[in-house]
Amino acid sequence: MAVHPTAVVDRSAVVHETVEIGPYAIVGAHVTIGARTVVGAHAVIEGPTTLAEDNRVFFQAALGGPPQDLKYKGEPTTLSIGSRNTFREFCTVHRGTMTGHGTTVIGDDNLFMAYSHVAHDCVVGNRTVFANGASLAGHCAVGDDAVLGAFAGVRQFLRVGRHAFVGAFAGLNHDVLPFLWTSSDRDVRAWKVNSVGLERKGFSKERVAALQKAYRVLHRHRHDKAALLAGLEALAATSEDVKALRDFIASSVQGIHGA
């Protein structure tokens, strides 16, 4: 284990022998850090927090801090982080609350750019990208492969669907549909299918075309949820992606940013 002499590592921390910890970094009590993880200069990791393998925590990032919730009274809630995540400068991720589900969860292969924020009790999937300043309020869920543009803000208890793309500076007050591009160019709404992003993730032209058809149904019935779900039914029978889109809309409690 390569620990800089100025770093502070609590005696109760469990740190794999291959971990690197930079100058003036702080690893607090009840922190577990997996193999080949690199903790940069002045980074702070508080516990109870677990990081799996091959994570990169850049300088001045702060992980595992107490939640910014007035109801929090110091309970031993947790932060659980998977493997191969990157937390850039000044990124902040907080532990859960007892009034939530007690933990904040980060999956694998995510990129959190500078000044991004994940609040208490959030669940973030795999391969997501949070651009600079993108922020989640408490209790949010972000699906796999979603992208949040710079300074996008997600209100508490909302869901961002998988493969969604959220444009920069979007203020989100409803669930964000999977597979679509949601932006605040004029109104915050789903403007089009996230076709470029989906193709980069290996979606075939046929899969994207099915979602294009679903988007047209969404636009046609944007003010009538029952008609929208009925219109998606036939497409959902032949496309698992459209089925996932339909199910997401049907299960939404907070409402959706429609077309």
Foldseek 3Di string as FASTA:
>chain_A
DAEPPQEAEDPQEAEDPQEHEEHPEYHEHCEYEEHPEYAEHCEYEYDVEYEYEAEYHYHQEYEAAAFPDPVADPDRAGEYAYHNEYAEHHEYEYAAGPVAVRGEYHEEDEYEYALEYEGHQEYEYYNEYEYAQEYEYENEYEEACEYEEHNEYHYHNEYEAHCEYEYHPHDDQFHEFHQFYFYPPPNGAGDAGPVVSVVVVPDDPVLRVLVRVLLVLQVVQVPPLVSSLVVLVVSVVPHVVSVVRSVCQVPTPRHYRTD
